[in-house]
């Protein structure tokens, strides 16, 4: 199986300057896909218009337009990815609800945002990943995004802007 690279970013909140910085960095990584975790769905469209990399994304809690989905289930590189913003699962207060939703969907990787804090863990062989925020980081984090590399194994790295 060929290696697959996925850039995961989100919580950009309409700050296109930060999206541009992230895209400059992503362009050097040789990624095959981009996933946007929401807040703002228009930012995902901005990425689609400014890049030829296949991009998918979800709506976040600040998105008011009717287009876009709250959740996506995608199979990339033989792995099932569950993508949601995270606010409907209370991710600021714990990961139990999103973990159980991921198990219910038989996801290999659960991708979410909302807290603006990067997170990576493996629970019962399922990856839980929050790329943090490229615009408004919280906690002790910096503006960042994540890269998922899928080959025989799955690895994750965070990239600071």
N, C-alpha and C. Protein backbone atom coordinates (compact mmCIF):
# COMPACT_ATOMS: atom_id res chain seq x y z
N UNK A 1 0.83 -1.19 0.00
CA UNK A 1 0.00 0.00 0.00
C UNK A 1 0.87 1.25 0.00
N UNK A 2 0.53 2.20 -0.84
CA UNK A 2 1.25 3.46 -0.87
C UNK A 2 0.89 4.29 0.34
N UNK A 3 1.84 5.08 0.79
CA UNK A 3 1.62 5.98 1.91
C UNK A 3 0.62 7.08 1.52
N UNK A 4 -0.24 7.45 2.45
CA UNK A 4 -1.22 8.51 2.23
C UNK A 4 -1.02 9.56 3.31
N UNK A 5 -0.94 10.82 2.90
CA UNK A 5 -0.77 11.93 3.84
C UNK A 5 -2.00 12.81 3.84
N UNK A 6 -2.49 13.10 5.04
CA UNK A 6 -3.69 13.92 5.20
C UNK A 6 -3.35 15.07 6.14
N UNK A 7 -3.55 16.30 5.68
CA UNK A 7 -3.40 17.46 6.56
C UNK A 7 -4.75 17.73 7.22
N UNK A 8 -4.73 17.94 8.52
CA UNK A 8 -5.95 18.21 9.28
C UNK A 8 -5.80 19.56 9.96
N UNK A 9 -6.74 20.46 9.69
CA UNK A 9 -6.68 21.78 10.30
C UNK A 9 -8.10 22.26 10.57
N UNK A 10 -8.19 23.27 11.40
CA UNK A 10 -9.52 23.79 11.69
C UNK A 10 -9.50 24.95 12.66
N UNK A 11 -10.70 25.30 13.10
CA UNK A 11 -10.89 26.44 13.98
C UNK A 11 -10.12 27.65 13.46
N UNK A 12 -10.31 27.89 12.16
CA UNK A 12 -9.64 29.01 11.49
C UNK A 12 -10.42 30.31 11.61
N UNK A 13 -11.71 30.23 11.88
CA UNK A 13 -12.55 31.38 12.21
C UNK A 13 -12.42 32.55 11.24
N UNK A 14 -12.37 32.22 9.94
CA UNK A 14 -12.38 33.27 8.93
C UNK A 14 -11.09 34.03 8.76
N UNK A 15 -10.04 33.62 9.42
CA UNK A 15 -8.76 34.32 9.34
C UNK A 15 -7.94 33.76 8.18
N UNK A 16 -8.22 34.28 6.98
CA UNK A 16 -7.60 33.73 5.77
C UNK A 16 -6.09 33.88 5.77
N UNK A 17 -5.56 34.86 6.45
CA UNK A 17 -4.10 35.02 6.55
C UNK A 17 -3.49 33.76 7.17
N UNK A 18 -4.13 33.23 8.21
CA UNK A 18 -3.62 32.02 8.86
C UNK A 18 -3.82 30.79 7.98
N UNK A 19 -4.92 30.77 7.22
CA UNK A 19 -5.12 29.67 6.27
C UNK A 19 -4.03 29.69 5.22
N UNK A 20 -3.71 30.88 4.72
CA UNK A 20 -2.64 31.00 3.72
C UNK A 20 -1.31 30.50 4.28
N UNK A 21 -0.97 30.86 5.51
CA UNK A 21 0.26 30.37 6.13
C UNK A 21 0.25 28.85 6.25
N UNK A 22 -0.89 28.31 6.68
CA UNK A 22 -1.00 26.86 6.81
C UNK A 22 -0.85 26.20 5.44
N UNK A 23 -1.48 26.77 4.42
CA UNK A 23 -1.41 26.17 3.09
C UNK A 23 0.00 26.23 2.52
N UNK A 24 0.75 27.28 2.82
CA UNK A 24 2.15 27.35 2.39
C UNK A 24 2.94 26.20 3.01
N UNK A 25 2.71 25.95 4.28
CA UNK A 25 3.38 24.86 4.97
C UNK A 25 2.92 23.50 4.44
N UNK A 26 1.62 23.34 4.27
CA UNK A 26 1.06 22.08 3.78
C UNK A 26 1.59 21.75 2.39
N UNK A 27 1.80 22.78 1.56
CA UNK A 27 2.30 22.57 0.20
C UNK A 27 3.67 21.90 0.19
N UNK A 28 4.44 22.05 1.27
CA UNK A 28 5.77 21.44 1.35
C UNK A 28 5.73 20.01 1.88
N UNK A 29 4.55 19.54 2.30
CA UNK A 29 4.45 18.23 2.96
C UNK A 29 4.02 17.11 2.03
N UNK A 30 3.62 17.43 0.80
CA UNK A 30 3.21 16.39 -0.13
C UNK A 30 1.94 15.67 0.29
N UNK A 31 0.95 16.42 0.78
CA UNK A 31 -0.28 15.79 1.27
C UNK A 31 -1.22 15.44 0.11
N UNK A 32 -2.02 14.40 0.34
CA UNK A 32 -2.98 13.93 -0.65
C UNK A 32 -4.38 14.48 -0.40
N UNK A 33 -4.69 14.77 0.87
CA UNK A 33 -6.01 15.26 1.27
C UNK A 33 -5.85 16.32 2.35
N UNK A 34 -6.87 17.19 2.45
CA UNK A 34 -6.97 18.13 3.55
C UNK A 34 -8.34 17.94 4.18
N UNK A 35 -8.36 17.89 5.51
CA UNK A 35 -9.60 17.82 6.26
C UNK A 35 -9.70 19.06 7.13
N UNK A 36 -10.83 19.77 7.03
CA UNK A 36 -11.06 20.96 7.85
C UNK A 36 -12.12 20.60 8.90
N UNK A 37 -11.83 20.87 10.16
CA UNK A 37 -12.70 20.44 11.27
C UNK A 37 -13.77 21.45 11.66
N UNK A 38 -13.96 22.48 10.84
CA UNK A 38 -15.05 23.41 11.12
C UNK A 38 -14.62 24.70 11.77
N UNK A 39 -15.59 25.58 11.84
CA UNK A 39 -15.43 26.96 12.30
C UNK A 39 -14.36 27.67 11.44
N UNK A 40 -14.63 27.93 10.31
CA UNK A 40 -15.73 28.26 9.46
C UNK A 40 -15.80 27.32 8.27
N UNK A 41 -17.00 26.95 7.88
CA UNK A 41 -17.19 26.14 6.68
C UNK A 41 -16.74 26.92 5.44
N UNK A 42 -16.94 28.24 5.45
CA UNK A 42 -16.46 29.07 4.34
C UNK A 42 -14.95 28.97 4.19
N UNK A 43 -14.23 28.74 5.28
CA UNK A 43 -12.78 28.57 5.22
C UNK A 43 -12.41 27.31 4.45
N UNK A 44 -13.22 26.26 4.60
CA UNK A 44 -12.98 25.04 3.84
C UNK A 44 -13.15 25.33 2.35
N UNK A 45 -14.18 26.11 2.01
CA UNK A 45 -14.39 26.49 0.61
C UNK A 45 -13.22 27.34 0.10
N UNK A 46 -12.70 28.22 0.95
CA UNK A 46 -11.53 29.04 0.59
C UNK A 46 -10.34 28.14 0.24
N UNK A 47 -10.14 27.08 1.01
CA UNK A 47 -9.05 26.13 0.74
C UNK A 47 -9.30 25.44 -0.60
N UNK A 48 -10.52 25.01 -0.85
CA UNK A 48 -10.86 24.34 -2.11
C UNK A 48 -10.54 25.25 -3.30
N UNK A 49 -10.90 26.54 -3.17
CA UNK A 49 -10.69 27.49 -4.26
C UNK A 49 -9.22 27.84 -4.46
N UNK A 50 -8.41 27.72 -3.42
CA UNK A 50 -7.01 28.15 -3.52
C UNK A 50 -6.03 26.99 -3.63
N UNK A 51 -6.53 25.76 -3.72
CA UNK A 51 -5.65 24.60 -3.74
C UNK A 51 -6.21 23.53 -4.66
N UNK A 52 -5.34 22.72 -5.19
CA UNK A 52 -5.80 21.59 -6.00
C UNK A 52 -5.77 20.28 -5.21
N UNK A 53 -5.60 20.38 -3.91
CA UNK A 53 -5.61 19.19 -3.03
C UNK A 53 -7.05 18.90 -2.65
N UNK A 54 -7.46 17.63 -2.78
CA UNK A 54 -8.82 17.25 -2.42
C UNK A 54 -9.07 17.62 -0.96
N UNK A 55 -10.15 18.37 -0.72
CA UNK A 55 -10.44 18.90 0.61
C UNK A 55 -11.87 18.57 1.00
N UNK A 56 -12.03 18.11 2.24
CA UNK A 56 -13.35 17.87 2.81
C UNK A 56 -13.42 18.58 4.15
N UNK A 57 -14.62 18.84 4.62
CA UNK A 57 -14.75 19.51 5.90
C UNK A 57 -16.17 19.45 6.43
N UNK A 58 -16.29 19.85 7.68
CA UNK A 58 -17.58 19.85 8.38
C UNK A 58 -17.88 21.25 8.90
N UNK A 59 -19.14 21.44 9.23
CA UNK A 59 -19.59 22.68 9.85
C UNK A 59 -19.22 22.66 11.33
N UNK A 60 -19.00 23.84 11.90
CA UNK A 60 -18.74 23.96 13.32
C UNK A 60 -19.86 24.70 14.03
N UNK A 61 -19.69 24.97 15.30
CA UNK A 61 -20.74 25.62 16.08
C UNK A 61 -20.94 27.09 15.70
N UNK A 62 -19.99 27.72 15.04
CA UNK A 62 -20.14 29.10 14.61
C UNK A 62 -20.68 29.21 13.19
N UNK A 63 -20.87 28.09 12.52
CA UNK A 63 -21.36 28.11 11.14
C UNK A 63 -22.87 28.21 11.12
N UNK A 64 -23.37 29.21 10.41
CA UNK A 64 -24.82 29.44 10.36
C UNK A 64 -25.42 29.11 9.00
N UNK A 65 -24.59 29.00 7.96
CA UNK A 65 -25.13 28.69 6.64
C UNK A 65 -25.62 27.24 6.60
N UNK A 66 -26.63 26.97 5.78
CA UNK A 66 -27.23 25.64 5.76
C UNK A 66 -26.39 24.58 5.05
N UNK A 67 -25.47 24.99 4.17
CA UNK A 67 -24.72 23.98 3.44
C UNK A 67 -23.63 23.37 4.33
N UNK A 68 -23.23 22.20 3.94
CA UNK A 68 -22.23 21.47 4.70
C UNK A 68 -22.86 20.49 5.66
N UNK A 69 -22.07 19.52 6.09
CA UNK A 69 -22.54 18.49 7.01
C UNK A 69 -21.90 18.67 8.37
N UNK A 70 -22.60 18.20 9.39
CA UNK A 70 -22.05 18.23 10.75
C UNK A 70 -21.08 17.09 11.00
N UNK A 71 -21.25 16.01 10.25
CA UNK A 71 -20.40 14.83 10.42
C UNK A 71 -20.12 14.20 9.07
N UNK A 72 -18.93 13.64 8.94
CA UNK A 72 -18.55 12.91 7.74
C UNK A 72 -17.94 11.58 8.16
N UNK A 73 -18.19 10.57 7.37
CA UNK A 73 -17.54 9.27 7.53
C UNK A 73 -16.86 8.98 6.20
N UNK A 74 -15.54 8.93 6.20
CA UNK A 74 -14.77 8.77 4.97
C UNK A 74 -13.82 7.59 5.12
N UNK A 75 -13.57 6.90 4.03
CA UNK A 75 -12.55 5.86 4.03
C UNK A 75 -11.40 6.37 3.18
N UNK A 76 -10.26 6.55 3.81
CA UNK A 76 -9.04 7.00 3.14
C UNK A 76 -7.91 6.06 3.53
N UNK A 77 -7.20 5.57 2.54
CA UNK A 77 -6.08 4.68 2.83
C UNK A 77 -6.48 3.46 3.63
N UNK A 78 -7.65 2.92 3.34
CA UNK A 78 -8.19 1.74 4.02
C UNK A 78 -8.50 1.96 5.50
N UNK A 79 -8.57 3.20 5.91
CA UNK A 79 -8.95 3.54 7.28
C UNK A 79 -10.25 4.32 7.26
N UNK A 80 -11.11 4.03 8.23
CA UNK A 80 -12.39 4.73 8.34
C UNK A 80 -12.20 5.92 9.27
N UNK A 81 -12.47 7.13 8.73
CA UNK A 81 -12.32 8.37 9.49
C UNK A 81 -13.69 8.96 9.79
N UNK A 82 -13.91 9.28 11.04
CA UNK A 82 -15.10 9.99 11.47
C UNK A 82 -14.67 11.42 11.75
N UNK A 83 -15.28 12.38 11.04
CA UNK A 83 -14.91 13.79 11.15
C UNK A 83 -16.13 14.57 11.65
N UNK A 84 -15.94 15.34 12.72
CA UNK A 84 -16.98 16.21 13.26
C UNK A 84 -16.30 17.37 13.96
N UNK A 85 -17.01 18.45 14.16
CA UNK A 85 -16.39 19.59 14.85
C UNK A 85 -16.15 19.27 16.33
N UNK A 86 -17.08 18.58 16.94
CA UNK A 86 -16.89 18.15 18.32
C UNK A 86 -17.80 18.80 19.34
N UNK A 87 -18.41 19.94 19.00
CA UNK A 87 -19.24 20.64 19.98
C UNK A 87 -20.45 19.82 20.39
N UNK A 88 -20.98 19.03 19.50
CA UNK A 88 -22.16 18.20 19.83
C UNK A 88 -21.81 17.03 20.75
N UNK A 89 -20.52 16.81 20.93
CA UNK A 89 -20.04 15.72 21.79
C UNK A 89 -19.36 16.23 23.05
N UNK A 90 -19.43 17.52 23.30
CA UNK A 90 -18.89 18.10 24.53
C UNK A 90 -17.40 17.89 24.72
N UNK A 91 -16.62 17.99 23.63
CA UNK A 91 -15.20 17.67 23.72
C UNK A 91 -14.39 18.60 24.62
N UNK A 92 -14.94 19.75 24.96
CA UNK A 92 -14.24 20.64 25.90
C UNK A 92 -14.28 20.07 27.32
N UNK A 93 -15.18 19.13 27.56
CA UNK A 93 -15.38 18.60 28.91
C UNK A 93 -15.00 17.14 29.05
N UNK A 94 -14.53 16.54 27.97
CA UNK A 94 -14.13 15.14 28.00
C UNK A 94 -14.36 14.51 26.64
N UNK A 95 -13.72 13.38 26.42
CA UNK A 95 -13.78 12.74 25.11
C UNK A 95 -14.63 11.48 25.09
N UNK A 96 -15.33 11.20 26.19
CA UNK A 96 -16.10 9.96 26.27
C UNK A 96 -17.17 9.87 25.19
N UNK A 97 -17.95 10.93 25.01
CA UNK A 97 -19.05 10.88 24.03
C UNK A 97 -18.53 10.70 22.61
N UNK A 98 -17.48 11.42 22.25
CA UNK A 98 -16.97 11.30 20.89
C UNK A 98 -16.27 9.94 20.71
N UNK A 99 -15.65 9.43 21.77
CA UNK A 99 -15.05 8.10 21.72
C UNK A 99 -16.12 7.05 21.42
N UNK A 100 -17.22 7.09 22.15
CA UNK A 100 -18.27 6.08 21.95
C UNK A 100 -18.94 6.23 20.59
N UNK A 101 -19.06 7.46 20.09
CA UNK A 101 -19.61 7.64 18.74
C UNK A 101 -18.66 7.03 17.71
N UNK A 102 -17.37 7.23 17.90
CA UNK A 102 -16.39 6.63 17.01
C UNK A 102 -16.45 5.11 17.03
N UNK A 103 -16.61 4.54 18.22
CA UNK A 103 -16.72 3.07 18.34
C UNK A 103 -18.00 2.59 17.65
N UNK A 104 -19.09 3.32 17.86
CA UNK A 104 -20.36 2.96 17.24
C UNK A 104 -20.25 2.93 15.71
N UNK A 105 -19.48 3.85 15.15
CA UNK A 105 -19.29 3.94 13.71
C UNK A 105 -18.17 3.04 13.21
N UNK A 106 -17.49 2.35 14.13
CA UNK A 106 -16.34 1.49 13.81
C UNK A 106 -15.23 2.28 13.11
N UNK A 107 -15.00 3.49 13.59
CA UNK A 107 -13.97 4.35 13.02
C UNK A 107 -12.58 3.91 13.49
N UNK A 108 -11.62 4.08 12.61
CA UNK A 108 -10.22 3.88 12.98
C UNK A 108 -9.63 5.17 13.53
N UNK A 109 -10.11 6.30 13.00
CA UNK A 109 -9.60 7.62 13.39
C UNK A 109 -10.78 8.56 13.60
N UNK A 110 -10.84 9.21 14.75
CA UNK A 110 -11.85 10.21 15.04
C UNK A 110 -11.16 11.57 15.01
N UNK A 111 -11.66 12.45 14.14
CA UNK A 111 -11.06 13.76 13.95
C UNK A 111 -12.07 14.82 14.36
N UNK A 112 -11.64 15.75 15.21
CA UNK A 112 -12.53 16.78 15.72
C UNK A 112 -11.75 18.04 16.02
N UNK A 113 -12.47 19.11 16.32
CA UNK A 113 -11.87 20.40 16.69
C UNK A 113 -12.56 20.93 17.93
N UNK A 114 -12.97 22.17 17.87
CA UNK A 114 -13.78 22.88 18.85
C UNK A 114 -13.02 23.40 20.06
N UNK A 115 -12.15 22.60 20.65
CA UNK A 115 -11.48 23.04 21.88
C UNK A 115 -10.29 23.97 21.60
N UNK A 116 -9.81 23.97 20.35
CA UNK A 116 -8.64 24.77 19.95
C UNK A 116 -7.36 24.28 20.61
N UNK A 117 -7.38 23.08 21.17
CA UNK A 117 -6.22 22.49 21.85
C UNK A 117 -5.85 21.21 21.12
N UNK A 118 -4.60 21.08 20.66
CA UNK A 118 -4.19 19.86 19.98
C UNK A 118 -4.32 18.64 20.91
N UNK A 119 -4.75 17.53 20.34
CA UNK A 119 -4.89 16.30 21.12
C UNK A 119 -4.63 15.11 20.20
N UNK A 120 -3.87 14.16 20.73
CA UNK A 120 -3.65 12.89 20.03
C UNK A 120 -3.59 11.80 21.08
N UNK A 121 -4.44 10.81 20.92
CA UNK A 121 -4.37 9.64 21.80
C UNK A 121 -4.89 8.44 21.04
N UNK A 122 -4.58 7.28 21.55
CA UNK A 122 -5.10 6.02 21.00
C UNK A 122 -5.85 5.34 22.12
N UNK A 123 -7.13 5.11 21.90
CA UNK A 123 -8.00 4.46 22.87
C UNK A 123 -8.62 3.23 22.21
N UNK A 124 -8.35 2.06 22.77
CA UNK A 124 -8.88 0.81 22.21
C UNK A 124 -8.63 0.73 20.70
N UNK A 125 -7.40 1.02 20.30
CA UNK A 125 -6.92 0.95 18.92
C UNK A 125 -7.56 1.99 17.99
N UNK A 126 -8.28 2.97 18.53
CA UNK A 126 -8.88 4.04 17.74
C UNK A 126 -8.15 5.35 18.07
N UNK A 127 -7.74 6.06 17.02
CA UNK A 127 -7.04 7.34 17.20
C UNK A 127 -8.06 8.45 17.41
N UNK A 128 -7.83 9.28 18.43
CA UNK A 128 -8.60 10.50 18.66
C UNK A 128 -7.67 11.66 18.36
N UNK A 129 -8.06 12.52 17.41
CA UNK A 129 -7.17 13.59 16.96
C UNK A 129 -7.89 14.92 16.84
N UNK A 130 -7.34 15.92 17.53
CA UNK A 130 -7.75 17.30 17.37
C UNK A 130 -6.51 18.05 16.90
N UNK A 131 -6.57 18.71 15.73
CA UNK A 131 -5.38 19.38 15.21
C UNK A 131 -5.04 20.68 15.91
N UNK A 132 -5.88 21.12 16.84
CA UNK A 132 -5.70 22.44 17.44
C UNK A 132 -6.30 23.50 16.53
N UNK A 133 -5.88 24.72 16.70
CA UNK A 133 -6.41 25.82 15.90
C UNK A 133 -5.28 26.52 15.17
N UNK A 134 -5.53 26.85 13.88
CA UNK A 134 -4.52 27.62 13.14
C UNK A 134 -4.67 29.11 13.38
N UNK A 135 -5.73 29.52 14.10
CA UNK A 135 -5.97 30.95 14.30
C UNK A 135 -6.02 31.38 15.76
N UNK A 136 -6.68 30.61 16.60
CA UNK A 136 -6.90 31.03 17.99
C UNK A 136 -6.55 29.87 18.93
N UNK A 137 -5.26 29.59 19.12
CA UNK A 137 -4.90 28.47 19.98
C UNK A 137 -5.26 28.75 21.44
N UNK A 138 -5.56 27.69 22.16
CA UNK A 138 -5.87 27.81 23.58
C UNK A 138 -4.92 26.94 24.38
N UNK A 139 -4.96 27.14 25.69
CA UNK A 139 -4.03 26.40 26.54
C UNK A 139 -2.63 26.89 26.27
N UNK A 140 -1.68 26.02 26.34
CA UNK A 140 -0.29 26.37 26.07
C UNK A 140 0.11 26.08 24.64
N UNK A 141 -0.87 25.87 23.76
CA UNK A 141 -0.56 25.46 22.39
C UNK A 141 -0.25 26.66 21.50
N UNK A 142 0.36 26.36 20.37
CA UNK A 142 0.64 27.35 19.34
C UNK A 142 -0.33 27.12 18.18
N UNK A 143 -0.37 28.07 17.25
CA UNK A 143 -1.14 27.83 16.02
C UNK A 143 -0.54 26.61 15.33
N UNK A 144 -1.38 25.62 15.03
CA UNK A 144 -0.84 24.40 14.44
C UNK A 144 -1.90 23.63 13.68
N UNK A 145 -1.43 22.65 12.95
CA UNK A 145 -2.28 21.67 12.28
C UNK A 145 -1.62 20.31 12.44
N UNK A 146 -2.28 19.26 11.96
CA UNK A 146 -1.74 17.91 12.10
C UNK A 146 -1.59 17.27 10.73
N UNK A 147 -0.67 16.34 10.65
CA UNK A 147 -0.50 15.50 9.47
C UNK A 147 -0.70 14.06 9.91
N UNK A 148 -1.59 13.35 9.23
CA UNK A 148 -1.77 11.92 9.44
C UNK A 148 -1.09 11.21 8.29
N UNK A 149 -0.25 10.25 8.60
CA UNK A 149 0.39 9.43 7.57
C UNK A 149 -0.13 8.01 7.73
N UNK A 150 -0.78 7.52 6.68
CA UNK A 150 -1.33 6.17 6.69
C UNK A 150 -0.51 5.31 5.74
N UNK A 151 0.14 4.30 6.29
CA UNK A 151 0.76 3.25 5.47
C UNK A 151 0.48 1.95 6.20
N UNK A 152 1.47 1.12 6.45
CA UNK A 152 1.18 -0.10 7.22
C UNK A 152 0.65 0.26 8.60
N UNK A 153 1.17 1.32 9.16
CA UNK A 153 0.70 1.85 10.44
C UNK A 153 0.16 3.25 10.20
N UNK A 154 -0.33 3.87 11.26
CA UNK A 154 -0.80 5.26 11.18
C UNK A 154 0.06 6.08 12.13
N UNK A 155 0.60 7.18 11.62
CA UNK A 155 1.34 8.08 12.50
C UNK A 155 0.78 9.48 12.37
N UNK A 156 0.99 10.28 13.40
CA UNK A 156 0.48 11.64 13.45
C UNK A 156 1.60 12.56 13.89
N UNK A 157 1.69 13.71 13.24
CA UNK A 157 2.62 14.74 13.69
C UNK A 157 1.91 16.08 13.68
N UNK A 158 2.29 16.92 14.61
CA UNK A 158 1.76 18.28 14.66
C UNK A 158 2.77 19.24 14.05
N UNK A 159 2.28 20.22 13.29
CA UNK A 159 3.13 21.20 12.65
C UNK A 159 2.73 22.57 13.17
N UNK A 160 3.67 23.27 13.81
CA UNK A 160 3.41 24.62 14.30
C UNK A 160 3.62 25.62 13.18
N UNK A 161 2.78 26.65 13.19
CA UNK A 161 2.92 27.72 12.18
C UNK A 161 3.78 28.84 12.73
